[in-house]
N, C-alpha and C. Protein backbone atom coordinates (compact mmCIF):
# COMPACT_ATOMS: atom_id res chain seq x y z
N MET A 1 77.99 79.09 162.75
CA MET A 1 77.17 77.92 162.47
C MET A 1 76.25 77.69 163.67
N THR A 2 74.99 77.49 163.42
CA THR A 2 74.04 77.25 164.50
C THR A 2 74.10 75.79 164.93
N THR A 3 73.54 75.53 166.11
CA THR A 3 73.61 74.15 166.63
C THR A 3 72.70 73.20 165.87
N ASP A 4 71.70 73.73 165.17
CA ASP A 4 70.80 72.84 164.43
C ASP A 4 71.19 72.69 162.97
N THR A 5 72.38 73.12 162.60
CA THR A 5 72.85 73.00 161.23
C THR A 5 73.78 71.82 161.11
N LEU A 6 73.48 70.91 160.20
CA LEU A 6 74.31 69.74 160.00
C LEU A 6 75.57 70.09 159.21
N LEU A 7 75.43 70.91 158.22
CA LEU A 7 76.56 71.32 157.41
C LEU A 7 76.26 72.69 156.86
N LYS A 8 77.27 73.36 156.41
CA LYS A 8 77.08 74.71 155.90
C LYS A 8 77.65 74.78 154.49
N SER A 9 76.87 75.25 153.57
CA SER A 9 77.33 75.45 152.20
C SER A 9 76.62 76.69 151.69
N LYS A 10 76.49 76.82 150.39
CA LYS A 10 75.75 77.96 149.85
C LYS A 10 74.32 77.95 150.37
N LYS A 11 73.79 76.77 150.53
CA LYS A 11 72.44 76.61 151.05
C LYS A 11 72.56 76.02 152.45
N GLU A 12 72.06 76.74 153.45
CA GLU A 12 72.14 76.23 154.81
C GLU A 12 71.11 75.12 154.98
N VAL A 13 71.55 74.01 155.54
CA VAL A 13 70.69 72.84 155.70
C VAL A 13 70.39 72.67 157.17
N THR A 14 69.12 72.60 157.50
CA THR A 14 68.74 72.39 158.89
C THR A 14 67.91 71.13 159.00
N ALA A 15 68.07 70.44 160.09
CA ALA A 15 67.29 69.24 160.35
C ALA A 15 66.05 69.63 161.15
N SER A 16 65.02 68.84 161.03
CA SER A 16 63.79 69.12 161.77
C SER A 16 64.00 68.81 163.24
N PRO A 17 63.18 69.40 164.12
CA PRO A 17 63.30 69.11 165.55
C PRO A 17 63.15 67.63 165.87
N ASN A 18 62.31 66.92 165.13
CA ASN A 18 62.13 65.49 165.38
C ASN A 18 63.42 64.72 165.13
N ASP A 19 64.18 65.12 164.12
CA ASP A 19 65.44 64.45 163.83
C ASP A 19 66.46 64.68 164.94
N TRP A 20 66.44 65.90 165.52
CA TRP A 20 67.35 66.17 166.62
C TRP A 20 66.93 65.39 167.85
N GLU A 21 65.61 65.32 168.12
CA GLU A 21 65.13 64.61 169.30
C GLU A 21 65.45 63.13 169.21
N SER A 22 65.34 62.56 168.05
CA SER A 22 65.62 61.14 167.89
C SER A 22 67.12 60.85 167.85
N GLY A 23 67.92 61.88 167.71
CA GLY A 23 69.36 61.69 167.64
C GLY A 23 69.85 61.29 166.26
N LEU A 24 68.98 61.39 165.25
CA LEU A 24 69.35 60.96 163.90
C LEU A 24 70.53 61.76 163.36
N VAL A 25 70.51 63.07 163.54
CA VAL A 25 71.59 63.90 163.01
C VAL A 25 72.92 63.51 163.63
N MET A 26 72.93 63.32 164.94
CA MET A 26 74.17 62.94 165.61
C MET A 26 74.60 61.54 165.20
N GLU A 27 73.63 60.64 164.99
CA GLU A 27 73.97 59.29 164.55
C GLU A 27 74.57 59.30 163.14
N ILE A 28 74.06 60.18 162.28
CA ILE A 28 74.62 60.31 160.94
C ILE A 28 76.06 60.81 161.02
N LYS A 29 76.30 61.79 161.89
CA LYS A 29 77.68 62.29 162.05
C LYS A 29 78.60 61.19 162.56
N ASP A 30 78.13 60.43 163.55
CA ASP A 30 78.95 59.34 164.09
C ASP A 30 79.22 58.28 163.03
N ALA A 31 78.18 57.93 162.26
CA ALA A 31 78.35 56.93 161.21
C ALA A 31 79.28 57.45 160.12
N ALA A 32 79.21 58.74 159.81
CA ALA A 32 80.11 59.32 158.80
C ALA A 32 81.56 59.21 159.26
N LYS A 33 81.79 59.38 160.54
CA LYS A 33 83.15 59.24 161.08
C LYS A 33 83.64 57.80 160.95
N GLU A 34 82.74 56.84 161.11
CA GLU A 34 83.11 55.44 160.94
C GLU A 34 83.34 55.10 159.46
N VAL A 35 82.55 55.68 158.57
CA VAL A 35 82.77 55.48 157.13
C VAL A 35 84.13 56.06 156.74
N THR A 36 84.52 57.14 157.39
CA THR A 36 85.85 57.73 157.14
C THR A 36 86.95 56.74 157.45
N ARG A 37 86.78 55.97 158.52
CA ARG A 37 87.80 54.98 158.88
C ARG A 37 87.98 53.94 157.79
N VAL A 38 86.92 53.64 157.07
CA VAL A 38 86.97 52.61 156.03
C VAL A 38 87.39 53.19 154.68
N THR A 39 86.83 54.34 154.33
CA THR A 39 87.05 54.89 152.98
C THR A 39 88.18 55.91 152.91
N GLN A 40 88.64 56.41 154.05
CA GLN A 40 89.67 57.45 154.13
C GLN A 40 89.20 58.78 153.56
N VAL A 41 87.90 58.96 153.38
CA VAL A 41 87.34 60.25 152.96
C VAL A 41 86.95 60.99 154.24
N PRO A 42 87.42 62.23 154.44
CA PRO A 42 87.09 62.96 155.66
C PRO A 42 85.58 63.09 155.86
N TRP A 43 85.15 62.91 157.10
CA TRP A 43 83.71 62.89 157.38
C TRP A 43 83.04 64.21 157.04
N LYS A 44 83.74 65.32 157.16
CA LYS A 44 83.13 66.61 156.80
C LYS A 44 82.86 66.68 155.31
N MET A 45 83.71 66.04 154.51
CA MET A 45 83.46 66.00 153.06
C MET A 45 82.28 65.08 152.75
N ILE A 46 82.14 64.00 153.52
CA ILE A 46 81.01 63.08 153.31
C ILE A 46 79.70 63.82 153.55
N LEU A 47 79.66 64.65 154.56
CA LEU A 47 78.44 65.40 154.88
C LEU A 47 78.30 66.67 154.06
N GLY A 48 79.30 67.01 153.28
CA GLY A 48 79.29 68.23 152.48
C GLY A 48 78.56 68.07 151.17
N ARG A 49 78.80 69.00 150.27
CA ARG A 49 78.10 69.05 148.99
C ARG A 49 78.97 68.65 147.79
N ARG A 50 80.26 68.39 148.00
CA ARG A 50 81.15 68.05 146.89
C ARG A 50 80.71 66.77 146.21
N ARG A 51 80.96 66.69 144.89
CA ARG A 51 80.51 65.54 144.13
C ARG A 51 81.65 64.75 143.51
N TYR A 52 82.83 64.84 144.11
CA TYR A 52 83.92 64.00 143.64
C TYR A 52 83.50 62.54 143.81
N GLU A 53 83.98 61.68 142.93
CA GLU A 53 83.50 60.31 142.92
C GLU A 53 83.73 59.59 144.25
N ASP A 54 84.91 59.69 144.83
CA ASP A 54 85.18 58.99 146.08
C ASP A 54 84.32 59.52 147.23
N VAL A 55 84.07 60.82 147.22
CA VAL A 55 83.22 61.43 148.25
C VAL A 55 81.77 60.98 148.07
N ALA A 56 81.30 60.98 146.83
CA ALA A 56 79.92 60.58 146.54
C ALA A 56 79.68 59.12 146.92
N VAL A 57 80.63 58.26 146.64
CA VAL A 57 80.48 56.85 146.98
C VAL A 57 80.46 56.67 148.50
N ALA A 58 81.34 57.36 149.21
CA ALA A 58 81.34 57.28 150.67
C ALA A 58 80.02 57.78 151.25
N ARG A 59 79.48 58.84 150.66
CA ARG A 59 78.20 59.38 151.10
C ARG A 59 77.07 58.37 150.86
N MET A 60 77.10 57.71 149.71
CA MET A 60 76.06 56.72 149.42
C MET A 60 76.18 55.52 150.35
N ILE A 61 77.39 55.14 150.69
CA ILE A 61 77.59 54.05 151.65
C ILE A 61 76.98 54.44 153.00
N LEU A 62 77.22 55.68 153.41
CA LEU A 62 76.64 56.18 154.66
C LEU A 62 75.12 56.08 154.62
N TRP A 63 74.51 56.51 153.53
CA TRP A 63 73.06 56.46 153.42
C TRP A 63 72.54 55.03 153.45
N CYS A 64 73.25 54.11 152.81
CA CYS A 64 72.84 52.70 152.85
C CYS A 64 72.90 52.16 154.27
N ILE A 65 73.91 52.52 155.00
CA ILE A 65 74.03 52.06 156.38
C ILE A 65 72.90 52.62 157.23
N MET A 66 72.58 53.89 157.06
CA MET A 66 71.50 54.49 157.83
C MET A 66 70.15 53.86 157.46
N ARG A 67 69.97 53.53 156.20
CA ARG A 67 68.74 52.86 155.77
C ARG A 67 68.66 51.47 156.39
N ASN A 68 69.79 50.76 156.44
CA ASN A 68 69.80 49.43 157.05
C ASN A 68 69.52 49.49 158.54
N ARG A 69 69.75 50.63 159.15
CA ARG A 69 69.44 50.80 160.57
C ARG A 69 67.97 51.07 160.81
N GLY A 70 67.19 51.22 159.74
CA GLY A 70 65.75 51.34 159.89
C GLY A 70 65.19 52.73 159.68
N TYR A 71 66.01 53.70 159.31
CA TYR A 71 65.50 55.05 159.07
C TYR A 71 64.90 55.14 157.68
N GLY A 72 63.89 55.95 157.53
CA GLY A 72 63.21 56.12 156.26
C GLY A 72 64.00 57.02 155.32
N TYR A 73 63.68 56.90 154.04
CA TYR A 73 64.37 57.69 153.01
C TYR A 73 64.23 59.20 153.28
N SER A 74 63.01 59.62 153.60
CA SER A 74 62.76 61.04 153.80
C SER A 74 63.51 61.59 155.01
N ARG A 75 63.53 60.83 156.09
CA ARG A 75 64.22 61.30 157.30
C ARG A 75 65.72 61.40 157.08
N ILE A 76 66.30 60.42 156.40
CA ILE A 76 67.74 60.47 156.11
C ILE A 76 68.02 61.65 155.19
N GLY A 77 67.20 61.82 154.18
CA GLY A 77 67.38 62.93 153.25
C GLY A 77 67.26 64.28 153.93
N ARG A 78 66.25 64.45 154.77
CA ARG A 78 66.06 65.70 155.48
C ARG A 78 67.26 66.01 156.38
N ALA A 79 67.72 65.01 157.11
CA ALA A 79 68.85 65.21 158.03
C ALA A 79 70.16 65.43 157.27
N SER A 80 70.24 64.91 156.04
CA SER A 80 71.47 65.05 155.23
C SER A 80 71.41 66.24 154.29
N GLY A 81 70.25 66.88 154.22
CA GLY A 81 70.11 68.00 153.30
C GLY A 81 69.96 67.58 151.86
N ARG A 82 69.39 66.40 151.63
CA ARG A 82 69.19 65.87 150.29
C ARG A 82 67.73 65.46 150.11
N ASP A 83 67.36 65.27 148.87
CA ASP A 83 66.03 64.77 148.54
C ASP A 83 65.98 63.27 148.84
N HIS A 84 64.79 62.77 149.18
CA HIS A 84 64.67 61.35 149.49
C HIS A 84 65.03 60.47 148.30
N ALA A 85 64.88 61.00 147.09
CA ALA A 85 65.19 60.22 145.89
C ALA A 85 66.70 59.92 145.81
N CYS A 86 67.53 60.81 146.33
CA CYS A 86 68.98 60.55 146.37
C CYS A 86 69.27 59.34 147.24
N ILE A 87 68.58 59.24 148.35
CA ILE A 87 68.80 58.14 149.29
C ILE A 87 68.31 56.84 148.66
N MET A 88 67.16 56.89 147.99
CA MET A 88 66.63 55.70 147.31
C MET A 88 67.59 55.23 146.23
N HIS A 89 68.13 56.17 145.46
CA HIS A 89 69.06 55.83 144.40
C HIS A 89 70.32 55.17 144.97
N ALA A 90 70.83 55.72 146.05
CA ALA A 90 72.04 55.14 146.68
C ALA A 90 71.79 53.72 147.13
N ASN A 91 70.63 53.47 147.72
CA ASN A 91 70.32 52.12 148.22
C ASN A 91 70.09 51.13 147.09
N LYS A 92 69.86 51.62 145.90
CA LYS A 92 69.74 50.74 144.74
C LYS A 92 71.10 50.51 144.08
N VAL A 93 71.87 51.59 143.94
CA VAL A 93 73.12 51.56 143.17
C VAL A 93 74.26 50.88 143.91
N ILE A 94 74.45 51.19 145.18
CA ILE A 94 75.63 50.70 145.89
C ILE A 94 75.69 49.17 145.91
N PRO A 95 74.64 48.46 146.34
CA PRO A 95 74.75 46.99 146.29
C PRO A 95 74.92 46.45 144.86
N GLN A 96 74.30 47.09 143.88
CA GLN A 96 74.47 46.65 142.49
C GLN A 96 75.88 46.91 142.00
N ARG A 97 76.43 48.06 142.37
CA ARG A 97 77.78 48.42 141.90
C ARG A 97 78.83 47.46 142.43
N TYR A 98 78.70 47.09 143.68
CA TYR A 98 79.72 46.26 144.30
C TYR A 98 79.37 44.78 144.31
N GLY A 99 78.15 44.43 143.98
CA GLY A 99 77.74 43.04 144.06
C GLY A 99 77.52 42.65 145.50
N HIS A 100 76.75 41.61 145.72
CA HIS A 100 76.42 41.22 147.10
C HIS A 100 77.65 40.79 147.88
N ARG A 101 78.56 40.10 147.23
CA ARG A 101 79.76 39.62 147.94
C ARG A 101 80.64 40.79 148.40
N GLU A 102 80.97 41.69 147.47
CA GLU A 102 81.81 42.82 147.83
C GLU A 102 81.10 43.76 148.79
N TRP A 103 79.78 43.91 148.63
CA TRP A 103 79.02 44.76 149.55
C TRP A 103 79.08 44.19 150.96
N ALA A 104 79.00 42.88 151.08
CA ALA A 104 79.08 42.24 152.39
C ALA A 104 80.47 42.46 153.00
N VAL A 105 81.51 42.37 152.19
CA VAL A 105 82.86 42.60 152.68
C VAL A 105 83.02 44.06 153.11
N MET A 106 82.51 44.97 152.29
CA MET A 106 82.64 46.39 152.58
C MET A 106 81.96 46.77 153.89
N THR A 107 80.85 46.17 154.18
CA THR A 107 80.10 46.53 155.39
C THR A 107 80.36 45.58 156.55
N SER A 108 81.31 44.68 156.41
CA SER A 108 81.59 43.75 157.50
C SER A 108 82.11 44.46 158.74
N TRP A 109 82.62 45.65 158.59
CA TRP A 109 83.12 46.41 159.73
C TRP A 109 82.00 46.81 160.68
N ILE A 110 80.75 46.74 160.25
CA ILE A 110 79.62 47.05 161.14
C ILE A 110 79.62 46.08 162.32
N ASP A 111 79.91 44.81 162.05
CA ASP A 111 79.96 43.82 163.13
C ASP A 111 81.03 44.18 164.16
N GLU A 112 82.15 44.70 163.68
CA GLU A 112 83.22 45.10 164.59
C GLU A 112 82.78 46.29 165.44
N LEU A 113 82.00 47.19 164.86
CA LEU A 113 81.55 48.36 165.60
C LEU A 113 80.63 47.98 166.75
N GLU A 114 79.85 46.92 166.56
CA GLU A 114 78.92 46.50 167.62
C GLU A 114 79.66 46.11 168.89
N GLU A 115 80.90 45.70 168.76
CA GLU A 115 81.68 45.31 169.93
C GLU A 115 82.19 46.50 170.71
N GLN A 116 82.16 47.69 170.11
CA GLN A 116 82.61 48.89 170.81
C GLN A 116 81.48 49.39 171.70
N PRO A 117 81.74 49.62 172.99
CA PRO A 117 80.67 49.99 173.91
C PRO A 117 80.04 51.35 173.63
N GLU A 118 80.78 52.28 173.02
CA GLU A 118 80.24 53.62 172.81
C GLU A 118 79.47 53.75 171.50
N PHE A 119 79.37 52.69 170.72
CA PHE A 119 78.73 52.78 169.41
C PHE A 119 77.73 51.65 169.26
N THR A 120 76.48 51.98 169.06
CA THR A 120 75.43 50.98 168.89
C THR A 120 75.01 50.93 167.43
N VAL A 121 74.95 49.74 166.88
CA VAL A 121 74.55 49.57 165.49
C VAL A 121 73.33 48.68 165.45
N ILE A 122 72.32 49.15 164.74
CA ILE A 122 71.10 48.35 164.56
C ILE A 122 70.98 48.07 163.07
N VAL A 123 70.95 46.81 162.72
CA VAL A 123 70.88 46.44 161.31
C VAL A 123 69.64 45.59 161.09
N LYS A 124 68.86 45.94 160.05
CA LYS A 124 67.68 45.16 159.70
C LYS A 124 68.10 43.83 159.09
N GLY A 125 67.20 42.85 159.11
CA GLY A 125 67.47 41.58 158.44
C GLY A 125 67.46 41.77 156.94
N GLU A 126 68.04 40.82 156.23
CA GLU A 126 68.09 40.90 154.76
C GLU A 126 66.70 40.75 154.17
N LYS A 127 66.52 41.36 153.00
CA LYS A 127 65.21 41.31 152.33
C LYS A 127 65.15 40.10 151.44
């Protein structure tokens, strides 16, 4: 596996140099590890290609978190090896699926992460 490969499957996915320079790929990996703590889905599966329901939901949660941090659909998609439309769909479906109340409860752990010195979380204001 090369250093610029986020994950390896039948189709090798590489991130652009700009994504590596900005640290987006590493931030996605770190965020996937934090989503693992909440969902109990292994982070390598979250970044993989499997489409089991629990894995897909954890992956969509990850994309919603990255979008809330201010990254664009295309950049998240490129770094994740997905089309930007997948990221847009996740950001529409996840809050609708869980409702605003449950979505707020599900992502409340972000506030706890901000207290950890090694992990920085940037969250946009509500729309």
